[in-house]
């Protein structure tokens, strides 16, 4: 495959990558924000990475809900 045959239009959204990385590192708020922004940008710009953005937002939302439930249990038990 020569360089003239390569497709340079397929780009991965940067916000999607950041969303997945921050979610996997445990930073749920930036992961959720970057995930939503990444999904919107992928739809508007036609970039790749919608799945990564969705996964980052989903992981962040699940962690956030677990933390809220844990906090509710801790407060209720005191």
C-alpha atoms as a PDB file:
ATOM      1  CA  UNK A   1       0.000   0.000   0.000  1.00  0.00           C
ATOM      2  CA  UNK A   2       1.469   3.337  -0.999  1.00  0.00           C
ATOM      3  CA  UNK A   3       0.997   6.604   0.822  1.00  0.00           C
ATOM      4  CA  UNK A   4      -1.369   7.869  -1.857  1.00  0.00           C
ATOM      5  CA  UNK A   5      -3.721   4.957  -1.115  1.00  0.00           C
ATOM      6  CA  UNK A   6      -3.942   5.647   2.609  1.00  0.00           C
ATOM      7  CA  UNK A   7      -7.088   7.247   3.945  1.00  0.00           C
ATOM      8  CA  UNK A   8      -6.219  10.261   6.052  1.00  0.00           C
ATOM      9  CA  UNK A   9      -9.836  11.270   6.672  1.00  0.00           C
ATOM     10  CA  UNK A  10     -10.463   8.655   9.367  1.00  0.00           C
ATOM     11  CA  UNK A  11      -9.455  10.389  12.594  1.00  0.00           C
ATOM     12  CA  UNK A  12     -10.121   9.410  16.171  1.00  0.00           C
ATOM     13  CA  UNK A  13     -11.678  12.072  18.347  1.00  0.00           C
ATOM     14  CA  UNK A  14      -9.303  13.315  21.043  1.00  0.00           C
ATOM     15  CA  UNK A  15     -12.074  13.852  23.598  1.00  0.00           C
ATOM     16  CA  UNK A  16     -13.102  10.218  23.173  1.00  0.00           C
ATOM     17  CA  UNK A  17      -9.596   9.010  23.980  1.00  0.00           C
ATOM     18  CA  UNK A  18      -9.353  11.330  26.993  1.00  0.00           C
ATOM     19  CA  UNK A  19     -12.779  10.168  28.215  1.00  0.00           C
ATOM     20  CA  UNK A  20     -11.805   6.515  28.153  1.00  0.00           C
ATOM     21  CA  UNK A  21      -8.424   7.107  29.784  1.00  0.00           C
ATOM     22  CA  UNK A  22      -9.786   9.285  32.581  1.00  0.00           C
ATOM     23  CA  UNK A  23     -12.624   6.849  33.246  1.00  0.00           C
ATOM     24  CA  UNK A  24     -10.215   3.917  33.469  1.00  0.00           C
ATOM     25  CA  UNK A  25      -7.951   5.919  35.788  1.00  0.00           C
ATOM     26  CA  UNK A  26     -10.884   6.620  38.118  1.00  0.00           C
ATOM     27  CA  UNK A  27     -11.578  10.269  37.392  1.00  0.00           C
ATOM     28  CA  UNK A  28     -15.319   9.981  36.833  1.00  0.00           C
ATOM     29  CA  UNK A  29     -16.271  13.639  36.404  1.00  0.00           C
ATOM     30  CA  UNK A  30     -13.800  14.455  33.590  1.00  0.00           C
ATOM     31  CA  UNK A  31     -14.534  11.069  32.026  1.00  0.00           C
ATOM     32  CA  UNK A  32     -18.244  11.830  31.928  1.00  0.00           C
ATOM     33  CA  UNK A  33     -17.771  15.341  30.547  1.00  0.00           C
ATOM     34  CA  UNK A  34     -15.241  14.346  27.892  1.00  0.00           C
ATOM     35  CA  UNK A  35     -17.364  11.328  26.983  1.00  0.00           C
ATOM     36  CA  UNK A  36     -20.443  13.403  26.275  1.00  0.00           C
ATOM     37  CA  UNK A  37     -18.414  16.005  24.375  1.00  0.00           C
ATOM     38  CA  UNK A  38     -16.690  13.249  22.400  1.00  0.00           C
ATOM     39  CA  UNK A  39     -19.968  11.607  21.404  1.00  0.00           C
ATOM     40  CA  UNK A  40     -21.377  14.928  20.215  1.00  0.00           C
ATOM     41  CA  UNK A  41     -18.229  15.791  18.266  1.00  0.00           C
ATOM     42  CA  UNK A  42     -18.047  12.350  16.651  1.00  0.00           C
ATOM     43  CA  UNK A  43     -21.595  12.727  15.429  1.00  0.00           C
ATOM     44  CA  UNK A  44     -21.098  16.231  14.073  1.00  0.00           C
ATOM     45  CA  UNK A  45     -17.633  15.819  12.581  1.00  0.00           C
ATOM     46  CA  UNK A  46     -17.903  12.230  11.415  1.00  0.00           C
ATOM     47  CA  UNK A  47     -14.810  11.192  13.379  1.00  0.00           C
ATOM     48  CA  UNK A  48     -14.090   7.756  14.775  1.00  0.00           C
ATOM     49  CA  UNK A  49     -14.178   7.107  18.506  1.00  0.00           C
ATOM     50  CA  UNK A  50     -17.869   7.267  19.351  1.00  0.00           C
ATOM     51  CA  UNK A  51     -17.606   3.896  21.083  1.00  0.00           C
ATOM     52  CA  UNK A  52     -14.646   5.031  23.178  1.00  0.00           C
ATOM     53  CA  UNK A  53     -16.499   8.189  24.185  1.00  0.00           C
ATOM     54  CA  UNK A  54     -19.587   6.157  25.084  1.00  0.00           C
ATOM     55  CA  UNK A  55     -17.516   3.670  27.099  1.00  0.00           C
ATOM     56  CA  UNK A  56     -15.791   6.491  28.980  1.00  0.00           C
ATOM     57  CA  UNK A  57     -19.096   8.163  29.778  1.00  0.00           C
ATOM     58  CA  UNK A  58     -20.718   4.866  30.764  1.00  0.00           C
ATOM     59  CA  UNK A  59     -17.881   3.779  33.052  1.00  0.00           C
ATOM     60  CA  UNK A  60     -17.819   7.228  34.645  1.00  0.00           C
ATOM     61  CA  UNK A  61     -21.588   7.238  35.194  1.00  0.00           C
ATOM     62  CA  UNK A  62     -21.520   3.772  36.764  1.00  0.00           C
ATOM     63  CA  UNK A  63     -18.664   4.722  39.104  1.00  0.00           C
ATOM     64  CA  UNK A  64     -20.480   7.934  40.024  1.00  0.00           C
ATOM     65  CA  UNK A  65     -23.691   6.036  40.845  1.00  0.00           C
ATOM     66  CA  UNK A  66     -21.796   3.465  42.908  1.00  0.00           C
ATOM     67  CA  UNK A  67     -20.115   6.254  44.873  1.00  0.00           C
ATOM     68  CA  UNK A  68     -23.473   7.951  45.473  1.00  0.00           C
ATOM     69  CA  UNK A  69     -25.009   4.690  46.686  1.00  0.00           C
ATOM     70  CA  UNK A  70     -22.020   4.024  48.933  1.00  0.00           C
ATOM     71  CA  UNK A  71     -22.232   7.549  50.340  1.00  0.00           C
ATOM     72  CA  UNK A  72     -25.953   7.077  51.000  1.00  0.00           C
ATOM     73  CA  UNK A  73     -25.310   3.832  52.853  1.00  0.00           C
ATOM     74  CA  UNK A  74     -22.553   5.418  54.934  1.00  0.00           C
ATOM     75  CA  UNK A  75     -24.709   8.401  55.857  1.00  0.00           C
ATOM     76  CA  UNK A  76     -27.718   6.199  56.638  1.00  0.00           C
ATOM     77  CA  UNK A  77     -25.689   3.917  58.889  1.00  0.00           C
ATOM     78  CA  UNK A  78     -24.409   6.739  61.092  1.00  0.00           C
END
